[in-house]
Amino acid sequence: ISKKNVKAISHITGGGFNENVPRSLPDGFTAKITKHSYEVPYIFKHLQEVGNISEHDMYNTFNMGIGMTVVVDADEAVQILRNAGVESYCIGEIIKGDEGIIIE
């Protein structure tokens, strides 16, 4: 993957998933996240259950285990990263729209 293939990057430490991902995209585009596309670490599931915390707040406060998003051709990027020993997932797609982020 060359830098010309990277369309957007969002570093999400300590939360802010719902704001940081859309901020990395140009106007007129929305990140459509598929929440079952990766395994949410147990600690987040446990915190949500014990604390009775909404899913929106879990993504926004704890990021549900996603520390960085990179907008690229996912198939190629995931394979390259996995071959290098880096855990990675295709967690969604970029679509036209003004919603900022949709988590389904």
PDB file of N, CA and C in Angstrom:
ATOM      1  N   ILE A   1       0.857  -1.175   0.000  1.00  0.00           N
ATOM      2  CA  ILE A   1       0.000   0.000   0.000  1.00  0.00           C
ATOM      3  C   ILE A   1       0.894   1.226   0.000  1.00  0.00           C
ATOM      4  N   SER A   2       0.637   2.111  -0.894  1.00  0.00           N
ATOM      5  CA  SER A   2       1.401   3.350  -0.915  1.00  0.00           C
ATOM      6  C   SER A   2       0.569   4.454  -0.276  1.00  0.00           C
ATOM      7  N   LYS A   3       1.221   5.554   0.059  1.00  0.00           N
ATOM      8  CA  LYS A   3       0.498   6.639   0.714  1.00  0.00           C
ATOM      9  C   LYS A   3      -0.600   7.216  -0.168  1.00  0.00           C
ATOM     10  N   LYS A   4      -0.517   7.051  -1.480  1.00  0.00           N
ATOM     11  CA  LYS A   4      -1.583   7.557  -2.353  1.00  0.00           C
ATOM     12  C   LYS A   4      -2.870   6.759  -2.196  1.00  0.00           C
ATOM     13  N   ASN A   5      -2.769   5.521  -1.663  1.00  0.00           N
ATOM     14  CA  ASN A   5      -3.947   4.692  -1.467  1.00  0.00           C
ATOM     15  C   ASN A   5      -4.662   4.995  -0.153  1.00  0.00           C
ATOM     16  N   VAL A   6      -4.012   5.690   0.760  1.00  0.00           N
ATOM     17  CA  VAL A   6      -4.618   6.036   2.041  1.00  0.00           C
ATOM     18  C   VAL A   6      -5.461   7.286   1.848  1.00  0.00           C
ATOM     19  N   LYS A   7      -6.761   7.144   2.107  1.00  0.00           N
ATOM     20  CA  LYS A   7      -7.692   8.254   1.895  1.00  0.00           C
ATOM     21  C   LYS A   7      -7.968   9.045   3.163  1.00  0.00           C
ATOM     22  N   ALA A   8      -7.899   8.374   4.332  1.00  0.00           N
ATOM     23  CA  ALA A   8      -8.155   9.049   5.608  1.00  0.00           C
ATOM     24  C   ALA A   8      -7.648   8.178   6.744  1.00  0.00           C
ATOM     25  N   ILE A   9      -7.244   8.822   7.830  1.00  0.00           N
ATOM     26  CA  ILE A   9      -6.793   8.119   9.035  1.00  0.00           C
ATOM     27  C   ILE A   9      -7.409   8.817  10.241  1.00  0.00           C
ATOM     28  N   SER A  10      -7.850   8.004  11.194  1.00  0.00           N
ATOM     29  CA  SER A  10      -8.369   8.546  12.444  1.00  0.00           C
ATOM     30  C   SER A  10      -7.774   7.750  13.591  1.00  0.00           C
ATOM     31  N   HIS A  11      -7.009   8.409  14.454  1.00  0.00           N
ATOM     32  CA  HIS A  11      -6.405   7.781  15.629  1.00  0.00           C
ATOM     33  C   HIS A  11      -7.355   7.986  16.798  1.00  0.00           C
ATOM     34  N   ILE A  12      -7.812   6.870  17.386  1.00  0.00           N
ATOM     35  CA  ILE A  12      -8.878   6.952  18.378  1.00  0.00           C
ATOM     36  C   ILE A  12      -8.407   6.336  19.692  1.00  0.00           C
ATOM     37  N   THR A  13      -7.690   7.078  20.498  1.00  0.00           N
ATOM     38  CA  THR A  13      -7.293   6.563  21.797  1.00  0.00           C
ATOM     39  C   THR A  13      -8.138   7.236  22.860  1.00  0.00           C
ATOM     40  N   GLY A  14      -8.648   6.450  23.770  1.00  0.00           N
ATOM     41  CA  GLY A  14      -9.422   6.998  24.874  1.00  0.00           C
ATOM     42  C   GLY A  14     -10.822   7.428  24.507  1.00  0.00           C
ATOM     43  N   GLY A  15     -11.285   7.050  23.353  1.00  0.00           N
ATOM     44  CA  GLY A  15     -12.656   7.367  22.980  1.00  0.00           C
ATOM     45  C   GLY A  15     -12.749   8.351  21.846  1.00  0.00           C
ATOM     46  N   GLY A  16     -13.944   8.850  21.635  1.00  0.00           N
ATOM     47  CA  GLY A  16     -14.176   9.813  20.569  1.00  0.00           C
ATOM     48  C   GLY A  16     -14.434   9.194  19.213  1.00  0.00           C
ATOM     49  N   PHE A  17     -14.732   7.902  19.174  1.00  0.00           N
ATOM     50  CA  PHE A  17     -14.972   7.191  17.920  1.00  0.00           C
ATOM     51  C   PHE A  17     -16.014   7.909  17.070  1.00  0.00           C
ATOM     52  N   ASN A  18     -17.133   8.285  17.681  1.00  0.00           N
ATOM     53  CA  ASN A  18     -18.245   8.892  16.943  1.00  0.00           C
ATOM     54  C   ASN A  18     -17.920  10.262  16.366  1.00  0.00           C
ATOM     55  N   GLU A  19     -16.931  10.953  16.909  1.00  0.00           N
ATOM     56  CA  GLU A  19     -16.533  12.256  16.385  1.00  0.00           C
ATOM     57  C   GLU A  19     -15.285  12.179  15.515  1.00  0.00           C
ATOM     58  N   ASN A  20     -14.306  11.370  15.918  1.00  0.00           N
ATOM     59  CA  ASN A  20     -13.027  11.342  15.209  1.00  0.00           C
ATOM     60  C   ASN A  20     -13.111  10.724  13.823  1.00  0.00           C
ATOM     61  N   VAL A  21     -13.848   9.632  13.676  1.00  0.00           N
ATOM     62  CA  VAL A  21     -13.936   8.991  12.362  1.00  0.00           C
ATOM     63  C   VAL A  21     -14.559   9.943  11.340  1.00  0.00           C
ATOM     64  N   PRO A  22     -15.725  10.533  11.603  1.00  0.00           N
ATOM     65  CA  PRO A  22     -16.292  11.455  10.609  1.00  0.00           C
ATOM     66  C   PRO A  22     -15.411  12.670  10.329  1.00  0.00           C
ATOM     67  N   ARG A  23     -14.686  13.129  11.322  1.00  0.00           N
ATOM     68  CA  ARG A  23     -13.824  14.304  11.139  1.00  0.00           C
ATOM     69  C   ARG A  23     -12.706  14.022  10.135  1.00  0.00           C
ATOM     70  N   SER A  24     -12.353  12.753   9.948  1.00  0.00           N
ATOM     71  CA  SER A  24     -11.288  12.414   9.013  1.00  0.00           C
ATOM     72  C   SER A  24     -11.780  12.320   7.566  1.00  0.00           C
ATOM     73  N   LEU A  25     -13.091  12.414   7.362  1.00  0.00           N
ATOM     74  CA  LEU A  25     -13.677  12.253   6.028  1.00  0.00           C
ATOM     75  C   LEU A  25     -14.047  13.594   5.409  1.00  0.00           C
ATOM     76  N   PRO A  26     -14.018  13.669   4.083  1.00  0.00           N
ATOM     77  CA  PRO A  26     -14.462  14.907   3.431  1.00  0.00           C
ATOM     78  C   PRO A  26     -15.972  15.096   3.587  1.00  0.00           C
ATOM     79  N   ASP A  27     -16.423  16.324   3.428  1.00  0.00           N
ATOM     80  CA  ASP A  27     -17.863  16.610   3.468  1.00  0.00           C
ATOM     81  C   ASP A  27     -18.577  15.759   2.432  1.00  0.00           C
ATOM     82  N   GLY A  28     -19.773  15.306   2.792  1.00  0.00           N
ATOM     83  CA  GLY A  28     -20.573  14.527   1.868  1.00  0.00           C
ATOM     84  C   GLY A  28     -20.343  13.025   1.950  1.00  0.00           C
ATOM     85  N   PHE A  29     -19.510  12.596   2.908  1.00  0.00           N
ATOM     86  CA  PHE A  29     -19.250  11.169   3.074  1.00  0.00           C
ATOM     87  C   PHE A  29     -19.507  10.736   4.505  1.00  0.00           C
ATOM     88  N   THR A  30     -19.930   9.500   4.647  1.00  0.00           N
ATOM     89  CA  THR A  30     -20.287   8.920   5.936  1.00  0.00           C
ATOM     90  C   THR A  30     -19.568   7.595   6.109  1.00  0.00           C
ATOM     91  N   ALA A  31     -19.104   7.320   7.313  1.00  0.00           N
ATOM     92  CA  ALA A  31     -18.530   6.015   7.640  1.00  0.00           C
ATOM     93  C   ALA A  31     -19.660   5.104   8.091  1.00  0.00           C
ATOM     94  N   LYS A  32     -19.848   4.020   7.386  1.00  0.00           N
ATOM     95  CA  LYS A  32     -20.854   3.024   7.748  1.00  0.00           C
ATOM     96  C   LYS A  32     -20.106   1.854   8.387  1.00  0.00           C
ATOM     97  N   ILE A  33     -20.220   1.741   9.707  1.00  0.00           N
ATOM     98  CA  ILE A  33     -19.481   0.749  10.484  1.00  0.00           C
ATOM     99  C   ILE A  33     -20.364  -0.472  10.732  1.00  0.00           C
ATOM    100  N   THR A  34     -19.815  -1.644  10.485  1.00  0.00           N
ATOM    101  CA  THR A  34     -20.517  -2.904  10.751  1.00  0.00           C
ATOM    102  C   THR A  34     -19.990  -3.430  12.075  1.00  0.00           C
ATOM    103  N   LYS A  35     -20.781  -3.279  13.131  1.00  0.00           N
ATOM    104  CA  LYS A  35     -20.289  -3.558  14.482  1.00  0.00           C
ATOM    105  C   LYS A  35     -19.937  -5.021  14.728  1.00  0.00           C
ATOM    106  N   HIS A  36     -20.454  -5.952  13.927  1.00  0.00           N
ATOM    107  CA  HIS A  36     -20.128  -7.360  14.134  1.00  0.00           C
ATOM    108  C   HIS A  36     -19.000  -7.818  13.212  1.00  0.00           C
ATOM    109  N   SER A  37     -18.238  -6.878  12.649  1.00  0.00           N
ATOM    110  CA  SER A  37     -17.159  -7.220  11.727  1.00  0.00           C
ATOM    111  C   SER A  37     -15.847  -7.529  12.444  1.00  0.00           C
ATOM    112  N   TYR A  38     -15.818  -7.347  13.745  1.00  0.00           N
ATOM    113  CA  TYR A  38     -14.624  -7.657  14.542  1.00  0.00           C
ATOM    114  C   TYR A  38     -15.097  -8.060  15.932  1.00  0.00           C
ATOM    115  N   GLU A  39     -14.219  -8.712  16.662  1.00  0.00           N
ATOM    116  CA  GLU A  39     -14.559  -9.164  18.014  1.00  0.00           C
ATOM    117  C   GLU A  39     -14.308  -8.031  19.007  1.00  0.00           C
ATOM    118  N   VAL A  40     -15.362  -7.577  19.646  1.00  0.00           N
ATOM    119  CA  VAL A  40     -15.220  -6.554  20.688  1.00  0.00           C
ATOM    120  C   VAL A  40     -14.557  -7.220  21.894  1.00  0.00           C
ATOM    121  N   PRO A  41     -13.455  -6.663  22.400  1.00  0.00           N
ATOM    122  CA  PRO A  41     -12.797  -7.264  23.562  1.00  0.00           C
ATOM    123  C   PRO A  41     -13.753  -7.418  24.749  1.00  0.00           C
ATOM    124  N   TYR A  42     -13.578  -8.509  25.478  1.00  0.00           N
ATOM    125  CA  TYR A  42     -14.451  -8.854  26.594  1.00  0.00           C
ATOM    126  C   TYR A  42     -14.626  -7.705  27.579  1.00  0.00           C
ATOM    127  N   ILE A  43     -13.560  -6.989  27.887  1.00  0.00           N
ATOM    128  CA  ILE A  43     -13.633  -5.933  28.903  1.00  0.00           C
ATOM    129  C   ILE A  43     -14.696  -4.897  28.548  1.00  0.00           C
ATOM    130  N   PHE A  44     -14.838  -4.585  27.251  1.00  0.00           N
ATOM    131  CA  PHE A  44     -15.838  -3.595  26.836  1.00  0.00           C
ATOM    132  C   PHE A  44     -17.250  -4.142  26.976  1.00  0.00           C
ATOM    133  N   LYS A  45     -17.435  -5.399  26.621  1.00  0.00           N
ATOM    134  CA  LYS A  45     -18.748  -6.032  26.792  1.00  0.00           C
ATOM    135  C   LYS A  45     -19.127  -6.054  28.274  1.00  0.00           C
ATOM    136  N   HIS A  46     -18.148  -6.393  29.106  1.00  0.00           N
ATOM    137  CA  HIS A  46     -18.383  -6.468  30.549  1.00  0.00           C
ATOM    138  C   HIS A  46     -18.729  -5.086  31.121  1.00  0.00           C
ATOM    139  N   LEU A  47     -17.956  -4.084  30.770  1.00  0.00           N
ATOM    140  CA  LEU A  47     -18.233  -2.718  31.245  1.00  0.00           C
ATOM    141  C   LEU A  47     -19.624  -2.253  30.827  1.00  0.00           C
ATOM    142  N   GLN A  48     -19.991  -2.547  29.586  1.00  0.00           N
ATOM    143  CA  GLN A  48     -21.301  -2.132  29.096  1.00  0.00           C
ATOM    144  C   GLN A  48     -22.415  -2.797  29.885  1.00  0.00           C
ATOM    145  N   GLU A  49     -22.263  -4.093  30.137  1.00  0.00           N
ATOM    146  CA  GLU A  49     -23.297  -4.826  30.864  1.00  0.00           C
ATOM    147  C   GLU A  49     -23.390  -4.387  32.320  1.00  0.00           C
ATOM    148  N   VAL A  50     -22.264  -4.364  33.005  1.00  0.00           N
ATOM    149  CA  VAL A  50     -22.248  -4.028  34.434  1.00  0.00           C
ATOM    150  C   VAL A  50     -22.637  -2.572  34.664  1.00  0.00           C
ATOM    151  N   GLY A  51     -22.188  -1.702  33.789  1.00  0.00           N
ATOM    152  CA  GLY A  51     -22.466  -0.278  33.963  1.00  0.00           C
ATOM    153  C   GLY A  51     -23.751   0.191  33.319  1.00  0.00           C
ATOM    154  N   ASN A  52     -24.433  -0.731  32.618  1.00  0.00           N
ATOM    155  CA  ASN A  52     -25.659  -0.374  31.912  1.00  0.00           C
ATOM    156  C   ASN A  52     -25.422   0.861  31.036  1.00  0.00           C
ATOM    157  N   ILE A  53     -24.389   0.776  30.189  1.00  0.00           N
ATOM    158  CA  ILE A  53     -23.954   1.895  29.348  1.00  0.00           C
ATOM    159  C   ILE A  53     -24.466   1.680  27.927  1.00  0.00           C
ATOM    160  N   SER A  54     -24.990   2.713  27.318  1.00  0.00           N
ATOM    161  CA  SER A  54     -25.507   2.608  25.949  1.00  0.00           C
ATOM    162  C   SER A  54     -24.366   2.296  24.972  1.00  0.00           C
ATOM    163  N   GLU A  55     -24.729   1.674  23.866  1.00  0.00           N
ATOM    164  CA  GLU A  55     -23.732   1.361  22.849  1.00  0.00           C
ATOM    165  C   GLU A  55     -23.072   2.642  22.325  1.00  0.00           C
ATOM    166  N   HIS A  56     -23.860   3.687  22.110  1.00  0.00           N
ATOM    167  CA  HIS A  56     -23.309   4.960  21.641  1.00  0.00           C
ATOM    168  C   HIS A  56     -22.237   5.466  22.604  1.00  0.00           C
ATOM    169  N   ASP A  57     -22.531   5.453  23.892  1.00  0.00           N
ATOM    170  CA  ASP A  57     -21.563   5.918  24.886  1.00  0.00           C
ATOM    171  C   ASP A  57     -20.346   5.001  24.960  1.00  0.00           C
ATOM    172  N   MET A  58     -20.539   3.705  24.746  1.00  0.00           N
ATOM    173  CA  MET A  58     -19.407   2.775  24.763  1.00  0.00           C
ATOM    174  C   MET A  58     -18.447   3.084  23.618  1.00  0.00           C
ATOM    175  N   TYR A  59     -18.983   3.326  22.414  1.00  0.00           N
ATOM    176  CA  TYR A  59     -18.113   3.683  21.284  1.00  0.00           C
ATOM    177  C   TYR A  59     -17.443   5.028  21.537  1.00  0.00           C
ATOM    178  N   ASN A  60     -18.189   5.970  22.054  1.00  0.00           N
ATOM    179  CA  ASN A  60     -17.650   7.313  22.200  1.00  0.00           C
ATOM    180  C   ASN A  60     -16.658   7.446  23.353  1.00  0.00           C
ATOM    181  N   THR A  61     -16.852   6.672  24.401  1.00  0.00           N
ATOM    182  CA  THR A  61     -15.964   6.774  25.562  1.00  0.00           C
ATOM    183  C   THR A  61     -14.810   5.773  25.507  1.00  0.00           C
ATOM    184  N   PHE A  62     -15.106   4.540  25.120  1.00  0.00           N
ATOM    185  CA  PHE A  62     -14.107   3.466  25.188  1.00  0.00           C
ATOM    186  C   PHE A  62     -13.663   2.963  23.824  1.00  0.00           C
ATOM    187  N   ASN A  63     -14.250   3.412  22.753  1.00  0.00           N
ATOM    188  CA  ASN A  63     -13.952   3.080  21.360  1.00  0.00           C
ATOM    189  C   ASN A  63     -14.172   1.616  21.000  1.00  0.00           C
ATOM    190  N   MET A  64     -14.664   0.799  21.908  1.00  0.00           N
ATOM    191  CA  MET A  64     -15.003  -0.609  21.681  1.00  0.00           C
ATOM    192  C   MET A  64     -13.843  -1.412  21.087  1.00  0.00           C
ATOM    193  N   GLY A  65     -12.630  -0.986  21.371  1.00  0.00           N
ATOM    194  CA  GLY A  65     -11.453  -1.733  20.935  1.00  0.00           C
ATOM    195  C   GLY A  65     -10.841  -1.267  19.634  1.00  0.00           C
ATOM    196  N   ILE A  66     -11.435  -0.284  18.986  1.00  0.00           N
ATOM    197  CA  ILE A  66     -10.890   0.230  17.727  1.00  0.00           C
ATOM    198  C   ILE A  66      -9.995   1.423  18.061  1.00  0.00           C
ATOM    199  N   GLY A  67      -8.701   1.278  17.833  1.00  0.00           N
ATOM    200  CA  GLY A  67      -7.749   2.339  18.162  1.00  0.00           C
ATOM    201  C   GLY A  67      -7.402   3.240  16.997  1.00  0.00           C
ATOM    202  N   MET A  68      -7.645   2.740  15.779  1.00  0.00           N
ATOM    203  CA  MET A  68      -7.329   3.537  14.600  1.00  0.00           C
ATOM    204  C   MET A  68      -8.165   3.047  13.436  1.00  0.00           C
ATOM    205  N   THR A  69      -8.620   3.980  12.630  1.00  0.00           N
ATOM    206  CA  THR A  69      -9.255   3.618  11.370  1.00  0.00           C
ATOM    207  C   THR A  69      -8.425   4.208  10.237  1.00  0.00           C
ATOM    208  N   VAL A  70      -8.324   3.445   9.157  1.00  0.00           N
ATOM    209  CA  VAL A  70      -7.613   3.889   7.965  1.00  0.00           C
ATOM    210  C   VAL A  70      -8.515   3.574   6.778  1.00  0.00           C
ATOM    211  N   VAL A  71      -8.810   4.570   5.968  1.00  0.00           N
ATOM    212  CA  VAL A  71      -9.657   4.378   4.803  1.00  0.00           C
ATOM    213  C   VAL A  71      -8.762   4.056   3.605  1.00  0.00           C
ATOM    214  N   VAL A  72      -8.869   2.795   3.140  1.00  0.00           N
ATOM    215  CA  VAL A  72      -8.077   2.280   2.013  1.00  0.00           C
ATOM    216  C   VAL A  72      -8.887   1.196   1.312  1.00  0.00           C
ATOM    217  N   ASP A  73      -8.311   0.616   0.265  1.00  0.00           N
ATOM    218  CA  ASP A  73      -8.884  -0.593  -0.327  1.00  0.00           C
ATOM    219  C   ASP A  73      -8.695  -1.692   0.705  1.00  0.00           C
ATOM    220  N   ALA A  74      -9.765  -2.072   1.373  1.00  0.00           N
ATOM    221  CA  ALA A  74      -9.692  -2.922   2.558  1.00  0.00           C
ATOM    222  C   ALA A  74      -9.086  -4.291   2.312  1.00  0.00           C
ATOM    223  N   ASP A  75      -9.460  -4.964   1.248  1.00  0.00           N
ATOM    224  CA  ASP A  75      -8.966  -6.324   1.027  1.00  0.00           C
ATOM    225  C   ASP A  75      -7.445  -6.361   0.977  1.00  0.00           C
ATOM    226  N   GLU A  76      -6.855  -5.461   0.211  1.00  0.00           N
ATOM    227  CA  GLU A  76      -5.405  -5.405   0.082  1.00  0.00           C
ATOM    228  C   GLU A  76      -4.745  -5.020   1.404  1.00  0.00           C
ATOM    229  N   ALA A  77      -5.265  -4.008   2.059  1.00  0.00           N
ATOM    230  CA  ALA A  77      -4.664  -3.516   3.297  1.00  0.00           C
ATOM    231  C   ALA A  77      -4.710  -4.552   4.410  1.00  0.00           C
ATOM    232  N   VAL A  78      -5.860  -5.183   4.600  1.00  0.00           N
ATOM    233  CA  VAL A  78      -5.996  -6.183   5.658  1.00  0.00           C
ATOM    234  C   VAL A  78      -5.024  -7.324   5.420  1.00  0.00           C
ATOM    235  N   GLN A  79      -4.902  -7.783   4.187  1.00  0.00           N
ATOM    236  CA  GLN A  79      -3.984  -8.889   3.892  1.00  0.00           C
ATOM    237  C   GLN A  79      -2.529  -8.498   4.160  1.00  0.00           C
ATOM    238  N   ILE A  80      -2.130  -7.321   3.742  1.00  0.00           N
ATOM    239  CA  ILE A  80      -0.761  -6.859   3.979  1.00  0.00           C
ATOM    240  C   ILE A  80      -0.484  -6.759   5.476  1.00  0.00           C
ATOM    241  N   LEU A  81      -1.405  -6.175   6.225  1.00  0.00           N
ATOM    242  CA  LEU A  81      -1.210  -6.023   7.669  1.00  0.00           C
ATOM    243  C   LEU A  81      -1.176  -7.385   8.371  1.00  0.00           C
ATOM    244  N   ARG A  82      -2.057  -8.273   8.010  1.00  0.00           N
ATOM    245  CA  ARG A  82      -2.059  -9.604   8.629  1.00  0.00           C
ATOM    246  C   ARG A  82      -0.786 -10.371   8.302  1.00  0.00           C
ATOM    247  N   ASN A  83      -0.301 -10.231   7.067  1.00  0.00           N
ATOM    248  CA  ASN A  83       0.960 -10.877   6.697  1.00  0.00           C
ATOM    249  C   ASN A  83       2.125 -10.340   7.517  1.00  0.00           C
ATOM    250  N   ALA A  84       2.001  -9.103   7.967  1.00  0.00           N
ATOM    251  CA  ALA A  84       3.043  -8.479   8.798  1.00  0.00           C
ATOM    252  C   ALA A  84       2.809  -8.741  10.283  1.00  0.00           C
ATOM    253  N   GLY A  85       1.775  -9.522  10.611  1.00  0.00           N
ATOM    254  CA  GLY A  85       1.511  -9.849  12.008  1.00  0.00           C
ATOM    255  C   GLY A  85       0.695  -8.814  12.753  1.00  0.00           C
ATOM    256  N   VAL A  86       0.040  -7.911  12.029  1.00  0.00           N
ATOM    257  CA  VAL A  86      -0.757  -6.859  12.652  1.00  0.00           C
ATOM    258  C   VAL A  86      -2.235  -7.247  12.556  1.00  0.00           C
ATOM    259  N   GLU A  87      -2.908  -7.310  13.703  1.00  0.00           N
ATOM    260  CA  GLU A  87      -4.325  -7.626  13.714  1.00  0.00           C
ATOM    261  C   GLU A  87      -5.091  -6.479  13.063  1.00  0.00           C
ATOM    262  N   SER A  88      -5.916  -6.802  12.069  1.00  0.00           N
ATOM    263  CA  SER A  88      -6.678  -5.767  11.386  1.00  0.00           C
ATOM    264  C   SER A  88      -7.968  -6.363  10.840  1.00  0.00           C
ATOM    265  N   TYR A  89      -8.934  -5.493  10.647  1.00  0.00           N
ATOM    266  CA  TYR A  89     -10.257  -5.900  10.183  1.00  0.00           C
ATOM    267  C   TYR A  89     -10.818  -4.849   9.247  1.00  0.00           C
ATOM    268  N   CYS A  90     -11.642  -5.274   8.328  1.00  0.00           N
ATOM    269  CA  CYS A  90     -12.456  -4.362   7.539  1.00  0.00           C
ATOM    270  C   CYS A  90     -13.726  -4.165   8.366  1.00  0.00           C
ATOM    271  N   ILE A  91     -13.916  -2.975   8.917  1.00  0.00           N
ATOM    272  CA  ILE A  91     -15.050  -2.751   9.831  1.00  0.00           C
ATOM    273  C   ILE A  91     -16.188  -1.969   9.209  1.00  0.00           C
ATOM    274  N   GLY A  92     -16.096  -1.670   7.930  1.00  0.00           N
ATOM    275  CA  GLY A  92     -17.184  -0.939   7.299  1.00  0.00           C
ATOM    276  C   GLY A  92     -16.797  -0.399   5.952  1.00  0.00           C
ATOM    277  N   GLU A  93     -17.512   0.622   5.548  1.00  0.00           N
ATOM    278  CA  GLU A  93     -17.284   1.232   4.248  1.00  0.00           C
ATOM    279  C   GLU A  93     -17.607   2.719   4.319  1.00  0.00           C
ATOM    280  N   ILE A  94     -17.127   3.443   3.324  1.00  0.00           N
ATOM    281  CA  ILE A  94     -17.424   4.867   3.220  1.00  0.00           C
ATOM    282  C   ILE A  94     -18.507   5.017   2.154  1.00  0.00           C
ATOM    283  N   ILE A  95     -19.575   5.717   2.510  1.00  0.00           N
ATOM    284  CA  ILE A  95     -20.692   5.918   1.598  1.00  0.00           C
ATOM    285  C   ILE A  95     -20.975   7.413   1.471  1.00  0.00           C
ATOM    286  N   LYS A  96     -21.713   7.773   0.449  1.00  0.00           N
ATOM    287  CA  LYS A  96     -22.130   9.171   0.308  1.00  0.00           C
ATOM    288  C   LYS A  96     -23.199   9.464   1.346  1.00  0.00           C
ATOM    289  N   GLY A  97     -23.129  10.623   1.940  1.00  0.00           N
ATOM    290  CA  GLY A  97     -24.112  11.020   2.935  1.00  0.00           C
ATOM    291  C   GLY A  97     -23.540  12.021   3.899  1.00  0.00           C
ATOM    292  N   ASP A  98     -24.409  12.597   4.718  1.00  0.00           N
ATOM    293  CA  ASP A  98     -24.001  13.626   5.673  1.00  0.00           C
ATOM    294  C   ASP A  98     -24.206  13.209   7.116  1.00  0.00           C
ATOM    295  N   GLU A  99     -24.391  11.904   7.377  1.00  0.00           N
ATOM    296  CA  GLU A  99     -24.648  11.440   8.728  1.00  0.00           C
ATOM    297  C   GLU A  99     -23.396  11.446   9.596  1.00  0.00           C
ATOM    298  N   GLY A 100     -22.216  11.456   8.975  1.00  0.00           N
ATOM    299  CA  GLY A 100     -20.968  11.408   9.732  1.00  0.00           C
ATOM    300  C   GLY A 100     -20.569   9.975  10.019  1.00  0.00           C
ATOM    301  N   ILE A 101     -21.396   9.276  10.800  1.00  0.00           N
ATOM    302  CA  ILE A 101     -21.116   7.882  11.107  1.00  0.00           C
ATOM    303  C   ILE A 101     -22.431   7.140  11.335  1.00  0.00           C
ATOM    304  N   ILE A 102     -22.491   5.928  10.827  1.00  0.00           N
ATOM    305  CA  ILE A 102     -23.630   5.035  11.052  1.00  0.00           C
ATOM    306  C   ILE A 102     -23.035   3.734  11.584  1.00  0.00           C
ATOM    307  N   ILE A 103     -23.529   3.269  12.711  1.00  0.00           N
ATOM    308  CA  ILE A 103     -23.046   2.006  13.270  1.00  0.00           C
ATOM    309  C   ILE A 103     -24.216   1.033  13.259  1.00  0.00           C
ATOM    310  N   GLU A 104     -24.069  -0.018  12.487  1.00  0.00           N
ATOM    311  CA  GLU A 104     -25.142  -1.022  12.349  1.00  0.00           C
ATOM    312  C   GLU A 104     -24.675  -2.374  12.812  1.00  0.00           C
TER     313      GLU A 104
END
